[in-house]
């Protein structure tokens, strides 16, 4: 039973614990890291296949980058979209903090002005 005065559980903030170093939880929480590791693994796998086929030297590096890029554009679509969402949410968070800081500065400046409209003395 909950009465009308008890706070809504959805309104409470839940503390987020940082994952331990080396716990494997970092990979689940950072889609950019996951996408990067998958991309590097695909580059090495394509490079190994090209090496076994007989491609050597600069051509091996060039073709490995080109072929793995084309394959990853199709195969790694979901992890790439997750990485994009990770970047987008990070930028939105930064912009929100900048906006909040700007509003706080504007509010502080408004409090410094006298009520009668006369200019303030500067030192």
PDB file of N, CA and C in Angstrom:
ATOM      1  N   UNK A   1       0.827  -1.182   0.000  1.00  0.00           N
ATOM      2  CA  UNK A   1       0.000   0.000   0.000  1.00  0.00           C
ATOM      3  C   UNK A   1       0.869   1.243   0.000  1.00  0.00           C
ATOM      4  N   UNK A   2       0.524   2.177  -0.863  1.00  0.00           N
ATOM      5  CA  UNK A   2       1.256   3.439  -0.870  1.00  0.00           C
ATOM      6  C   UNK A   2       0.252   4.566  -0.727  1.00  0.00           C
ATOM      7  N   UNK A   3       0.592   5.513   0.124  1.00  0.00           N
ATOM      8  CA  UNK A   3      -0.301   6.646   0.308  1.00  0.00           C
ATOM      9  C   UNK A   3       0.055   7.744  -0.687  1.00  0.00           C
ATOM     10  N   UNK A   4      -0.744   8.786  -0.752  1.00  0.00           N
ATOM     11  CA  UNK A   4      -0.575   9.848  -1.741  1.00  0.00           C
ATOM     12  C   UNK A   4       0.655  10.700  -1.458  1.00  0.00           C
ATOM     13  N   UNK A   5       1.164  10.674  -0.221  1.00  0.00           N
ATOM     14  CA  UNK A   5       2.310  11.528   0.106  1.00  0.00           C
ATOM     15  C   UNK A   5       3.646  10.864  -0.188  1.00  0.00           C
ATOM     16  N   UNK A   6       3.653   9.557  -0.452  1.00  0.00           N
ATOM     17  CA  UNK A   6       4.937   8.900  -0.720  1.00  0.00           C
ATOM     18  C   UNK A   6       5.420   9.276  -2.121  1.00  0.00           C
ATOM     19  N   UNK A   7       6.715   9.510  -2.249  1.00  0.00           N
ATOM     20  CA  UNK A   7       7.241   9.920  -3.553  1.00  0.00           C
ATOM     21  C   UNK A   7       7.160   8.790  -4.576  1.00  0.00           C
ATOM     22  N   UNK A   8       7.008   9.173  -5.812  1.00  0.00           N
ATOM     23  CA  UNK A   8       6.945   8.216  -6.904  1.00  0.00           C
ATOM     24  C   UNK A   8       8.319   7.566  -7.072  1.00  0.00           C
ATOM     25  N   UNK A   9       8.409   6.254  -7.131  1.00  0.00           N
ATOM     26  CA  UNK A   9       9.716   5.603  -7.274  1.00  0.00           C
ATOM     27  C   UNK A   9      10.431   6.003  -8.565  1.00  0.00           C
ATOM     28  N   UNK A  10       9.695   6.375  -9.600  1.00  0.00           N
ATOM     29  CA  UNK A  10      10.315   6.765 -10.862  1.00  0.00           C
ATOM     30  C   UNK A  10      11.009   8.118 -10.751  1.00  0.00           C
ATOM     31  N   UNK A  11      10.610   8.945  -9.760  1.00  0.00           N
ATOM     32  CA  UNK A  11      11.197  10.270  -9.594  1.00  0.00           C
ATOM     33  C   UNK A  11      12.524  10.230  -8.844  1.00  0.00           C
ATOM     34  N   UNK A  12      12.788   9.127  -8.149  1.00  0.00           N
ATOM     35  CA  UNK A  12      14.026   9.040  -7.388  1.00  0.00           C
ATOM     36  C   UNK A  12      15.195   8.785  -8.317  1.00  0.00           C
ATOM     37  N   UNK A  13      16.322   9.413  -7.999  1.00  0.00           N
ATOM     38  CA  UNK A  13      17.536   9.190  -8.775  1.00  0.00           C
ATOM     39  C   UNK A  13      18.240   7.951  -8.249  1.00  0.00           C
ATOM     40  N   UNK A  14      18.670   7.119  -9.164  1.00  0.00           N
ATOM     41  CA  UNK A  14      19.395   5.905  -8.804  1.00  0.00           C
ATOM     42  C   UNK A  14      20.872   6.162  -9.052  1.00  0.00           C
ATOM     43  N   UNK A  15      21.714   5.986  -8.032  1.00  0.00           N
ATOM     44  CA  UNK A  15      23.147   6.209  -8.247  1.00  0.00           C
ATOM     45  C   UNK A  15      23.711   5.180  -9.215  1.00  0.00           C
ATOM     46  N   UNK A  16      24.577   5.642 -10.092  1.00  0.00           N
ATOM     47  CA  UNK A  16      25.207   4.763 -11.068  1.00  0.00           C
ATOM     48  C   UNK A  16      26.632   4.505 -10.611  1.00  0.00           C
ATOM     49  N   UNK A  17      26.962   3.238 -10.451  1.00  0.00           N
ATOM     50  CA  UNK A  17      28.312   2.871 -10.041  1.00  0.00           C
ATOM     51  C   UNK A  17      29.174   2.719 -11.278  1.00  0.00           C
ATOM     52  N   UNK A  18      30.387   3.215 -11.202  1.00  0.00           N
ATOM     53  CA  UNK A  18      31.330   3.068 -12.311  1.00  0.00           C
ATOM     54  C   UNK A  18      31.811   1.628 -12.350  1.00  0.00           C
ATOM     55  N   UNK A  19      31.965   1.082 -13.554  1.00  0.00           N
ATOM     56  CA  UNK A  19      32.430  -0.297 -13.641  1.00  0.00           C
ATOM     57  C   UNK A  19      33.884  -0.400 -13.209  1.00  0.00           C
ATOM     58  N   UNK A  20      34.227  -1.561 -12.682  1.00  0.00           N
ATOM     59  CA  UNK A  20      35.606  -1.797 -12.280  1.00  0.00           C
ATOM     60  C   UNK A  20      36.480  -1.952 -13.510  1.00  0.00           C
ATOM     61  N   UNK A  21      37.717  -1.557 -13.400  1.00  0.00           N
ATOM     62  CA  UNK A  21      38.648  -1.680 -14.510  1.00  0.00           C
ATOM     63  C   UNK A  21      38.863  -3.154 -14.813  1.00  0.00           C
ATOM     64  N   UNK A  22      38.750  -3.501 -16.090  1.00  0.00           N
ATOM     65  CA  UNK A  22      38.954  -4.881 -16.498  1.00  0.00           C
ATOM     66  C   UNK A  22      37.779  -5.788 -16.239  1.00  0.00           C
ATOM     67  N   UNK A  23      36.612  -5.222 -15.934  1.00  0.00           N
ATOM     68  CA  UNK A  23      35.471  -6.049 -15.589  1.00  0.00           C
ATOM     69  C   UNK A  23      34.678  -6.520 -16.792  1.00  0.00           C
ATOM     70  N   UNK A  24      34.955  -5.981 -17.977  1.00  0.00           N
ATOM     71  CA  UNK A  24      34.180  -6.353 -19.149  1.00  0.00           C
ATOM     72  C   UNK A  24      32.916  -5.527 -19.292  1.00  0.00           C
ATOM     73  N   UNK A  25      32.516  -4.844 -18.243  1.00  0.00           N
ATOM     74  CA  UNK A  25      31.328  -4.002 -18.298  1.00  0.00           C
ATOM     75  C   UNK A  25      31.582  -2.754 -19.129  1.00  0.00           C
ATOM     76  N   UNK A  26      32.838  -2.380 -19.285  1.00  0.00           N
ATOM     77  CA  UNK A  26      33.168  -1.198 -20.071  1.00  0.00           C
ATOM     78  C   UNK A  26      32.741  -1.400 -21.514  1.00  0.00           C
ATOM     79  N   UNK A  27      32.974  -2.581 -22.050  1.00  0.00           N
ATOM     80  CA  UNK A  27      32.612  -2.854 -23.436  1.00  0.00           C
ATOM     81  C   UNK A  27      31.109  -2.792 -23.639  1.00  0.00           C
ATOM     82  N   UNK A  28      30.337  -3.202 -22.653  1.00  0.00           N
ATOM     83  CA  UNK A  28      28.885  -3.158 -22.782  1.00  0.00           C
ATOM     84  C   UNK A  28      28.363  -1.731 -22.658  1.00  0.00           C
ATOM     85  N   UNK A  29      29.082  -0.869 -21.997  1.00  0.00           N
ATOM     86  CA  UNK A  29      28.593   0.476 -21.763  1.00  0.00           C
ATOM     87  C   UNK A  29      29.092   1.470 -22.796  1.00  0.00           C
ATOM     88  N   UNK A  30      30.099   1.146 -23.568  1.00  0.00           N
ATOM     89  CA  UNK A  30      30.676   2.084 -24.515  1.00  0.00           C
ATOM     90  C   UNK A  30      30.575   1.528 -25.928  1.00  0.00           C
ATOM     91  N   UNK A  31      29.495   1.873 -26.637  1.00  0.00           N
ATOM     92  CA  UNK A  31      29.321   1.327 -27.984  1.00  0.00           C
ATOM     93  C   UNK A  31      30.405   1.780 -28.957  1.00  0.00           C
ATOM     94  N   UNK A  32      31.043   2.907 -28.706  1.00  0.00           N
ATOM     95  CA  UNK A  32      32.138   3.352 -29.568  1.00  0.00           C
ATOM     96  C   UNK A  32      33.305   2.381 -29.457  1.00  0.00           C
ATOM     97  N   UNK A  33      33.593   1.934 -28.251  1.00  0.00           N
ATOM     98  CA  UNK A  33      34.666   0.957 -28.029  1.00  0.00           C
ATOM     99  C   UNK A  33      34.337  -0.359 -28.733  1.00  0.00           C
ATOM    100  N   UNK A  34      33.093  -0.803 -28.606  1.00  0.00           N
ATOM    101  CA  UNK A  34      32.676  -2.062 -29.232  1.00  0.00           C
ATOM    102  C   UNK A  34      32.820  -1.957 -30.745  1.00  0.00           C
ATOM    103  N   UNK A  35      32.332  -0.877 -31.338  1.00  0.00           N
ATOM    104  CA  UNK A  35      32.412  -0.718 -32.785  1.00  0.00           C
ATOM    105  C   UNK A  35      33.873  -0.658 -33.243  1.00  0.00           C
ATOM    106  N   UNK A  36      34.697   0.064 -32.518  1.00  0.00           N
ATOM    107  CA  UNK A  36      36.104   0.188 -32.890  1.00  0.00           C
ATOM    108  C   UNK A  36      36.802  -1.173 -32.857  1.00  0.00           C
ATOM    109  N   UNK A  37      36.553  -1.945 -31.827  1.00  0.00           N
ATOM    110  CA  UNK A  37      37.189  -3.262 -31.728  1.00  0.00           C
ATOM    111  C   UNK A  37      36.688  -4.202 -32.826  1.00  0.00           C
ATOM    112  N   UNK A  38      35.398  -4.151 -33.146  1.00  0.00           N
ATOM    113  CA  UNK A  38      34.883  -4.974 -34.228  1.00  0.00           C
ATOM    114  C   UNK A  38      35.479  -4.562 -35.569  1.00  0.00           C
ATOM    115  N   UNK A  39      35.654  -3.284 -35.749  1.00  0.00           N
ATOM    116  CA  UNK A  39      36.230  -2.754 -37.005  1.00  0.00           C
ATOM    117  C   UNK A  39      37.690  -3.187 -37.151  1.00  0.00           C
ATOM    118  N   UNK A  40      38.449  -3.107 -36.072  1.00  0.00           N
ATOM    119  CA  UNK A  40      39.851  -3.537 -36.104  1.00  0.00           C
ATOM    120  C   UNK A  40      39.949  -5.047 -36.343  1.00  0.00           C
ATOM    121  N   UNK A  41      39.082  -5.816 -35.694  1.00  0.00           N
ATOM    122  CA  UNK A  41      39.080  -7.266 -35.894  1.00  0.00           C
ATOM    123  C   UNK A  41      38.752  -7.610 -37.344  1.00  0.00           C
ATOM    124  N   UNK A  42      37.801  -6.879 -37.927  1.00  0.00           N
ATOM    125  CA  UNK A  42      37.455  -7.137 -39.317  1.00  0.00           C
ATOM    126  C   UNK A  42      38.617  -6.773 -40.247  1.00  0.00           C
ATOM    127  N   UNK A  43      39.324  -5.698 -39.944  1.00  0.00           N
ATOM    128  CA  UNK A  43      40.483  -5.303 -40.749  1.00  0.00           C
ATOM    129  C   UNK A  43      41.544  -6.403 -40.740  1.00  0.00           C
ATOM    130  N   UNK A  44      41.835  -6.930 -39.560  1.00  0.00           N
ATOM    131  CA  UNK A  44      42.834  -7.995 -39.464  1.00  0.00           C
ATOM    132  C   UNK A  44      42.358  -9.286 -40.140  1.00  0.00           C
ATOM    133  N   UNK A  45      41.069  -9.602 -40.007  1.00  0.00           N
ATOM    134  CA  UNK A  45      40.549 -10.816 -40.635  1.00  0.00           C
ATOM    135  C   UNK A  45      40.624 -10.715 -42.155  1.00  0.00           C
ATOM    136  N   UNK A  46      40.221  -9.584 -42.703  1.00  0.00           N
ATOM    137  CA  UNK A  46      40.299  -9.394 -44.154  1.00  0.00           C
ATOM    138  C   UNK A  46      41.761  -9.389 -44.596  1.00  0.00           C
ATOM    139  N   UNK A  47      42.625  -8.754 -43.818  1.00  0.00           N
ATOM    140  CA  UNK A  47      44.046  -8.765 -44.139  1.00  0.00           C
ATOM    141  C   UNK A  47      44.620 -10.165 -44.154  1.00  0.00           C
ATOM    142  N   UNK A  48      44.210 -10.993 -43.216  1.00  0.00           N
ATOM    143  CA  UNK A  48      44.697 -12.376 -43.166  1.00  0.00           C
ATOM    144  C   UNK A  48      44.217 -13.165 -44.381  1.00  0.00           C
ATOM    145  N   UNK A  49      42.956 -12.979 -44.755  1.00  0.00           N
ATOM    146  CA  UNK A  49      42.428 -13.681 -45.928  1.00  0.00           C
ATOM    147  C   UNK A  49      43.159 -13.231 -47.184  1.00  0.00           C
ATOM    148  N   UNK A  50      43.364 -11.938 -47.326  1.00  0.00           N
ATOM    149  CA  UNK A  50      44.085 -11.432 -48.500  1.00  0.00           C
ATOM    150  C   UNK A  50      45.530 -11.943 -48.523  1.00  0.00           C
ATOM    151  N   UNK A  51      46.147 -12.047 -47.372  1.00  0.00           N
ATOM    152  CA  UNK A  51      47.520 -12.570 -47.302  1.00  0.00           C
ATOM    153  C   UNK A  51      47.559 -14.025 -47.762  1.00  0.00           C
ATOM    154  N   UNK A  52      46.568 -14.813 -47.318  1.00  0.00           N
ATOM    155  CA  UNK A  52      46.511 -16.217 -47.715  1.00  0.00           C
ATOM    156  C   UNK A  52      46.242 -16.371 -49.209  1.00  0.00           C
ATOM    157  N   UNK A  53      45.525 -15.406 -49.789  1.00  0.00           N
ATOM    158  CA  UNK A  53      45.245 -15.430 -51.217  1.00  0.00           C
ATOM    159  C   UNK A  53      46.502 -15.093 -52.014  1.00  0.00           C
ATOM    160  N   UNK A  54      47.419 -14.358 -51.414  1.00  0.00           N
ATOM    161  CA  UNK A  54      48.670 -14.054 -52.083  1.00  0.00           C
ATOM    162  C   UNK A  54      48.940 -12.570 -52.272  1.00  0.00           C
ATOM    163  N   UNK A  55      48.105 -11.717 -51.722  1.00  0.00           N
ATOM    164  CA  UNK A  55      48.326 -10.279 -51.835  1.00  0.00           C
ATOM    165  C   UNK A  55      49.384  -9.883 -50.810  1.00  0.00           C
ATOM    166  N   UNK A  56      50.375  -9.112 -51.234  1.00  0.00           N
ATOM    167  CA  UNK A  56      51.481  -8.740 -50.349  1.00  0.00           C
ATOM    168  C   UNK A  56      51.798  -7.257 -50.479  1.00  0.00           C
ATOM    169  N   UNK A  57      52.556  -6.748 -49.513  1.00  0.00           N
ATOM    170  CA  UNK A  57      53.078  -5.381 -49.563  1.00  0.00           C
ATOM    171  C   UNK A  57      52.017  -4.313 -49.351  1.00  0.00           C
ATOM    172  N   UNK A  58      52.207  -3.212 -50.059  1.00  0.00           N
ATOM    173  CA  UNK A  58      51.306  -2.067 -49.930  1.00  0.00           C
ATOM    174  C   UNK A  58      49.898  -2.419 -50.396  1.00  0.00           C
ATOM    175  N   UNK A  59      49.813  -3.304 -51.393  1.00  0.00           N
ATOM    176  CA  UNK A  59      48.494  -3.707 -51.895  1.00  0.00           C
ATOM    177  C   UNK A  59      47.689  -4.428 -50.810  1.00  0.00           C
ATOM    178  N   UNK A  60      48.355  -5.194 -49.992  1.00  0.00           N
ATOM    179  CA  UNK A  60      47.671  -5.880 -48.897  1.00  0.00           C
ATOM    180  C   UNK A  60      47.019  -4.872 -47.968  1.00  0.00           C
ATOM    181  N   UNK A  61      47.757  -3.862 -47.570  1.00  0.00           N
ATOM    182  CA  UNK A  61      47.220  -2.840 -46.662  1.00  0.00           C
ATOM    183  C   UNK A  61      46.076  -2.080 -47.322  1.00  0.00           C
ATOM    184  N   UNK A  62      46.284  -1.664 -48.576  1.00  0.00           N
ATOM    185  CA  UNK A  62      45.273  -0.898 -49.298  1.00  0.00           C
ATOM    186  C   UNK A  62      43.986  -1.693 -49.460  1.00  0.00           C
ATOM    187  N   UNK A  63      44.101  -2.916 -49.961  1.00  0.00           N
ATOM    188  CA  UNK A  63      42.909  -3.735 -50.171  1.00  0.00           C
ATOM    189  C   UNK A  63      42.253  -4.141 -48.850  1.00  0.00           C
ATOM    190  N   UNK A  64      43.034  -4.382 -47.818  1.00  0.00           N
ATOM    191  CA  UNK A  64      42.452  -4.737 -46.520  1.00  0.00           C
ATOM    192  C   UNK A  64      41.587  -3.598 -45.992  1.00  0.00           C
ATOM    193  N   UNK A  65      42.076  -2.365 -46.099  1.00  0.00           N
ATOM    194  CA  UNK A  65      41.261  -1.225 -45.648  1.00  0.00           C
ATOM    195  C   UNK A  65      40.011  -1.054 -46.502  1.00  0.00           C
ATOM    196  N   UNK A  66      40.166  -1.150 -47.812  1.00  0.00           N
ATOM    197  CA  UNK A  66      39.019  -0.951 -48.701  1.00  0.00           C
ATOM    198  C   UNK A  66      37.962  -2.042 -48.526  1.00  0.00           C
ATOM    199  N   UNK A  67      38.391  -3.293 -48.555  1.00  0.00           N
ATOM    200  CA  UNK A  67      37.437  -4.402 -48.459  1.00  0.00           C
ATOM    201  C   UNK A  67      36.778  -4.444 -47.080  1.00  0.00           C
ATOM    202  N   UNK A  68      37.560  -4.262 -46.028  1.00  0.00           N
ATOM    203  CA  UNK A  68      36.961  -4.290 -44.684  1.00  0.00           C
ATOM    204  C   UNK A  68      36.018  -3.101 -44.486  1.00  0.00           C
ATOM    205  N   UNK A  69      36.308  -1.971 -45.116  1.00  0.00           N
ATOM    206  CA  UNK A  69      35.407  -0.817 -45.024  1.00  0.00           C
ATOM    207  C   UNK A  69      34.070  -1.090 -45.667  1.00  0.00           C
ATOM    208  N   UNK A  70      34.088  -1.720 -46.834  1.00  0.00           N
ATOM    209  CA  UNK A  70      32.843  -2.051 -47.531  1.00  0.00           C
ATOM    210  C   UNK A  70      32.051  -3.091 -46.734  1.00  0.00           C
ATOM    211  N   UNK A  71      32.741  -4.102 -46.247  1.00  0.00           N
ATOM    212  CA  UNK A  71      32.056  -5.152 -45.481  1.00  0.00           C
ATOM    213  C   UNK A  71      31.478  -4.578 -44.187  1.00  0.00           C
ATOM    214  N   UNK A  72      32.242  -3.745 -43.497  1.00  0.00           N
ATOM    215  CA  UNK A  72      31.752  -3.206 -42.219  1.00  0.00           C
ATOM    216  C   UNK A  72      30.583  -2.251 -42.418  1.00  0.00           C
ATOM    217  N   UNK A  73      30.497  -1.609 -43.572  1.00  0.00           N
ATOM    218  CA  UNK A  73      29.356  -0.725 -43.839  1.00  0.00           C
ATOM    219  C   UNK A  73      28.052  -1.501 -43.819  1.00  0.00           C
ATOM    220  N   UNK A  74      28.104  -2.762 -44.201  1.00  0.00           N
ATOM    221  CA  UNK A  74      26.897  -3.591 -44.230  1.00  0.00           C
ATOM    222  C   UNK A  74      26.755  -4.399 -42.938  1.00  0.00           C
ATOM    223  N   UNK A  75      27.830  -5.066 -42.548  1.00  0.00           N
ATOM    224  CA  UNK A  75      27.761  -6.020 -41.438  1.00  0.00           C
ATOM    225  C   UNK A  75      27.675  -5.328 -40.079  1.00  0.00           C
ATOM    226  N   UNK A  76      28.379  -4.216 -39.896  1.00  0.00           N
ATOM    227  CA  UNK A  76      28.447  -3.564 -38.582  1.00  0.00           C
ATOM    228  C   UNK A  76      27.489  -2.378 -38.462  1.00  0.00           C
ATOM    229  N   UNK A  77      26.360  -2.454 -39.135  1.00  0.00           N
ATOM    230  CA  UNK A  77      25.401  -1.345 -39.101  1.00  0.00           C
ATOM    231  C   UNK A  77      24.873  -1.088 -37.681  1.00  0.00           C
ATOM    232  N   UNK A  78      24.470  -2.122 -36.987  1.00  0.00           N
ATOM    233  CA  UNK A  78      23.895  -1.950 -35.644  1.00  0.00           C
ATOM    234  C   UNK A  78      24.912  -1.393 -34.642  1.00  0.00           C
ATOM    235  N   UNK A  79      26.129  -1.940 -34.563  1.00  0.00           N
ATOM    236  CA  UNK A  79      27.099  -1.338 -33.632  1.00  0.00           C
ATOM    237  C   UNK A  79      27.462   0.103 -34.010  1.00  0.00           C
ATOM    238  N   UNK A  80      27.495   0.399 -35.313  1.00  0.00           N
ATOM    239  CA  UNK A  80      27.827   1.754 -35.741  1.00  0.00           C
ATOM    240  C   UNK A  80      26.720   2.729 -35.311  1.00  0.00           C
ATOM    241  N   UNK A  81      25.459   2.319 -35.441  1.00  0.00           N
ATOM    242  CA  UNK A  81      24.354   3.170 -35.006  1.00  0.00           C
ATOM    243  C   UNK A  81      24.390   3.378 -33.497  1.00  0.00           C
ATOM    244  N   UNK A  82      24.784   2.351 -32.760  1.00  0.00           N
ATOM    245  CA  UNK A  82      24.945   2.493 -31.313  1.00  0.00           C
ATOM    246  C   UNK A  82      26.045   3.481 -30.969  1.00  0.00           C
ATOM    247  N   UNK A  83      27.141   3.441 -31.736  1.00  0.00           N
ATOM    248  CA  UNK A  83      28.241   4.392 -31.506  1.00  0.00           C
ATOM    249  C   UNK A  83      27.787   5.815 -31.808  1.00  0.00           C
ATOM    250  N   UNK A  84      27.019   5.972 -32.860  1.00  0.00           N
ATOM    251  CA  UNK A  84      26.506   7.308 -33.211  1.00  0.00           C
ATOM    252  C   UNK A  84      25.591   7.829 -32.102  1.00  0.00           C
ATOM    253  N   UNK A  85      24.754   6.960 -31.568  1.00  0.00           N
ATOM    254  CA  UNK A  85      23.881   7.374 -30.463  1.00  0.00           C
ATOM    255  C   UNK A  85      24.697   7.732 -29.223  1.00  0.00           C
ATOM    256  N   UNK A  86      25.804   7.016 -29.007  1.00  0.00           N
ATOM    257  CA  UNK A  86      26.675   7.340 -27.879  1.00  0.00           C
ATOM    258  C   UNK A  86      27.284   8.720 -28.031  1.00  0.00           C
ATOM    259  N   UNK A  87      27.764   9.042 -29.247  1.00  0.00           N
ATOM    260  CA  UNK A  87      28.308  10.376 -29.497  1.00  0.00           C
ATOM    261  C   UNK A  87      27.231  11.437 -29.357  1.00  0.00           C
ATOM    262  N   UNK A  88      26.055  11.173 -29.921  1.00  0.00           N
ATOM    263  CA  UNK A  88      24.971  12.147 -29.886  1.00  0.00           C
ATOM    264  C   UNK A  88      24.556  12.455 -28.456  1.00  0.00           C
ATOM    265  N   UNK A  89      24.408  11.430 -27.638  1.00  0.00           N
ATOM    266  CA  UNK A  89      23.998  11.669 -26.251  1.00  0.00           C
ATOM    267  C   UNK A  89      25.092  12.400 -25.481  1.00  0.00           C
ATOM    268  N   UNK A  90      26.355  12.115 -25.787  1.00  0.00           N
ATOM    269  CA  UNK A  90      27.446  12.820 -25.108  1.00  0.00           C
ATOM    270  C   UNK A  90      27.434  14.300 -25.469  1.00  0.00           C
ATOM    271  N   UNK A  91      27.247  14.609 -26.744  1.00  0.00           N
ATOM    272  CA  UNK A  91      27.210  16.008 -27.171  1.00  0.00           C
ATOM    273  C   UNK A  91      25.994  16.730 -26.603  1.00  0.00           C
ATOM    274  N   UNK A  92      24.855  16.044 -26.541  1.00  0.00           N
ATOM    275  CA  UNK A  92      23.664  16.661 -25.951  1.00  0.00           C
ATOM    276  C   UNK A  92      23.894  16.965 -24.480  1.00  0.00           C
ATOM    277  N   UNK A  93      24.570  16.055 -23.777  1.00  0.00           N
ATOM    278  CA  UNK A  93      24.869  16.289 -22.360  1.00  0.00           C
ATOM    279  C   UNK A  93      25.801  17.471 -22.174  1.00  0.00           C
ATOM    280  N   UNK A  94      26.808  17.584 -23.033  1.00  0.00           N
ATOM    281  CA  UNK A  94      27.736  18.716 -22.952  1.00  0.00           C
ATOM    282  C   UNK A  94      26.996  20.015 -23.232  1.00  0.00           C
ATOM    283  N   UNK A  95      26.164  20.017 -24.284  1.00  0.00           N
ATOM    284  CA  UNK A  95      25.407  21.225 -24.621  1.00  0.00           C
ATOM    285  C   UNK A  95      24.440  21.608 -23.505  1.00  0.00           C
ATOM    286  N   UNK A  96      23.828  20.624 -22.865  1.00  0.00           N
ATOM    287  CA  UNK A  96      22.907  20.920 -21.767  1.00  0.00           C
ATOM    288  C   UNK A  96      23.647  21.565 -20.597  1.00  0.00           C
ATOM    289  N   UNK A  97      24.858  21.067 -20.304  1.00  0.00           N
ATOM    290  CA  UNK A  97      25.635  21.674 -19.215  1.00  0.00           C
ATOM    291  C   UNK A  97      26.082  23.085 -19.562  1.00  0.00           C
ATOM    292  N   UNK A  98      26.445  23.311 -20.821  1.00  0.00           N
ATOM    293  CA  UNK A  98      26.836  24.662 -21.242  1.00  0.00           C
ATOM    294  C   UNK A  98      25.646  25.599 -21.138  1.00  0.00           C
ATOM    295  N   UNK A  99      24.471  25.162 -21.586  1.00  0.00           N
ATOM    296  CA  UNK A  99      23.269  25.991 -21.502  1.00  0.00           C
ATOM    297  C   UNK A  99      22.911  26.299 -20.052  1.00  0.00           C
ATOM    298  N   UNK A 100      23.019  25.304 -19.191  1.00  0.00           N
ATOM    299  CA  UNK A 100      22.706  25.521 -17.777  1.00  0.00           C
ATOM    300  C   UNK A 100      23.688  26.513 -17.159  1.00  0.00           C
ATOM    301  N   UNK A 101      24.959  26.390 -17.518  1.00  0.00           N
ATOM    302  CA  UNK A 101      25.963  27.324 -17.004  1.00  0.00           C
ATOM    303  C   UNK A 101      25.695  28.739 -17.495  1.00  0.00           C
ATOM    304  N   UNK A 102      25.318  28.875 -18.765  1.00  0.00           N
ATOM    305  CA  UNK A 102      25.006  30.192 -19.325  1.00  0.00           C
ATOM    306  C   UNK A 102      23.796  30.797 -18.628  1.00  0.00           C
ATOM    307  N   UNK A 103      22.766  29.982 -18.404  1.00  0.00           N
ATOM    308  CA  UNK A 103      21.572  30.491 -17.701  1.00  0.00           C
ATOM    309  C   UNK A 103      21.930  30.922 -16.282  1.00  0.00           C
ATOM    310  N   UNK A 104      22.792  30.163 -15.611  1.00  0.00           N
ATOM    311  CA  UNK A 104      23.189  30.515 -14.245  1.00  0.00           C
ATOM    312  C   UNK A 104      23.975  31.821 -14.243  1.00  0.00           C
ATOM    313  N   UNK A 105      24.864  32.006 -15.224  1.00  0.00           N
ATOM    314  CA  UNK A 105      25.606  33.265 -15.311  1.00  0.00           C
ATOM    315  C   UNK A 105      24.670  34.439 -15.577  1.00  0.00           C
ATOM    316  N   UNK A 106      23.724  34.243 -16.489  1.00  0.00           N
ATOM    317  CA  UNK A 106      22.769  35.309 -16.790  1.00  0.00           C
ATOM    318  C   UNK A 106      21.943  35.652 -15.558  1.00  0.00           C
ATOM    319  N   UNK A 107      21.553  34.633 -14.814  1.00  0.00           N
ATOM    320  CA  UNK A 107      20.769  34.864 -13.599  1.00  0.00           C
ATOM    321  C   UNK A 107      21.614  35.622 -12.568  1.00  0.00           C
ATOM    322  N   UNK A 108      22.884  35.265 -12.424  1.00  0.00           N
ATOM    323  CA  UNK A 108      23.770  35.959 -11.494  1.00  0.00           C
ATOM    324  C   UNK A 108      23.973  37.410 -11.917  1.00  0.00           C
ATOM    325  N   UNK A 109      24.118  37.656 -13.221  1.00  0.00           N
ATOM    326  CA  UNK A 109      24.268  39.022 -13.713  1.00  0.00           C
ATOM    327  C   UNK A 109      23.021  39.840 -13.441  1.00  0.00           C
ATOM    328  N   UNK A 110      21.839  39.212 -13.569  1.00  0.00           N
ATOM    329  CA  UNK A 110      20.587  39.919 -13.303  1.00  0.00           C
ATOM    330  C   UNK A 110      20.488  40.306 -11.833  1.00  0.00           C
ATOM    331  N   UNK A 111      21.020  39.484 -10.949  1.00  0.00           N
ATOM    332  CA  UNK A 111      20.963  39.775  -9.526  1.00  0.00           C
ATOM    333  C   UNK A 111      21.912  40.907  -9.145  1.00  0.00           C
ATOM    334  N   UNK A 112      22.979  41.118  -9.926  1.00  0.00           N
ATOM    335  CA  UNK A 112      23.947  42.170  -9.626  1.00  0.00           C
ATOM    336  C   UNK A 112      23.446  43.558  -9.994  1.00  0.00           C
ATOM    337  N   UNK A 113      22.462  43.666 -10.892  1.00  0.00           N
ATOM    338  CA  UNK A 113      21.958  44.973 -11.304  1.00  0.00           C
ATOM    339  C   UNK A 113      21.072  45.556 -10.198  1.00  0.00           C
ATOM    340  N   UNK A 114      21.193  46.880  -9.952  1.00  0.00           N
ATOM    341  CA  UNK A 114      20.330  47.503  -8.942  1.00  0.00           C
ATOM    342  C   UNK A 114      18.891  47.588  -9.440  1.00  0.00           C
ATOM    343  N   UNK A 115      17.963  47.649  -8.502  1.00  0.00           N
ATOM    344  CA  UNK A 115      16.548  47.670  -8.849  1.00  0.00           C
ATOM    345  C   UNK A 115      16.104  49.003  -9.445  1.00  0.00           C
ATOM    346  N   UNK A 116      16.792  50.115  -9.116  1.00  0.00           N
ATOM    347  CA  UNK A 116      16.353  51.414  -9.607  1.00  0.00           C
ATOM    348  C   UNK A 116      16.829  51.708 -11.026  1.00  0.00           C
ATOM    349  N   UNK A 117      17.608  50.846 -11.634  1.00  0.00           N
ATOM    350  CA  UNK A 117      18.055  51.020 -12.993  1.00  0.00           C
ATOM    351  C   UNK A 117      19.314  51.855 -13.123  1.00  0.00           C
ATOM    352  N   UNK A 118      19.858  52.361 -12.025  1.00  0.00           N
ATOM    353  CA  UNK A 118      21.066  53.154 -12.122  1.00  0.00           C
ATOM    354  C   UNK A 118      22.255  52.243 -12.381  1.00  0.00           C
ATOM    355  N   UNK A 119      23.292  52.773 -13.072  1.00  0.00           N
ATOM    356  CA  UNK A 119      24.446  51.922 -13.371  1.00  0.00           C
ATOM    357  C   UNK A 119      25.190  51.565 -12.093  1.00  0.00           C
ATOM    358  N   UNK A 120      25.807  50.415 -12.113  1.00  0.00           N
ATOM    359  CA  UNK A 120      26.552  49.972 -10.943  1.00  0.00           C
ATOM    360  C   UNK A 120      27.971  50.510 -11.022  1.00  0.00           C
ATOM    361  N   UNK A 121      28.555  50.717  -9.895  1.00  0.00           N
ATOM    362  CA  UNK A 121      29.934  51.210  -9.845  1.00  0.00           C
ATOM    363  C   UNK A 121      30.864  50.023 -10.051  1.00  0.00           C
ATOM    364  N   UNK A 122      31.821  50.197 -10.951  1.00  0.00           N
ATOM    365  CA  UNK A 122      32.785  49.131 -11.176  1.00  0.00           C
ATOM    366  C   UNK A 122      34.102  49.539 -10.527  1.00  0.00           C
ATOM    367  N   UNK A 123      34.843  48.546 -10.066  1.00  0.00           N
ATOM    368  CA  UNK A 123      36.115  48.868  -9.417  1.00  0.00           C
ATOM    369  C   UNK A 123      37.255  48.732 -10.342  1.00  0.00           C
TER     370      UNK A 123
END
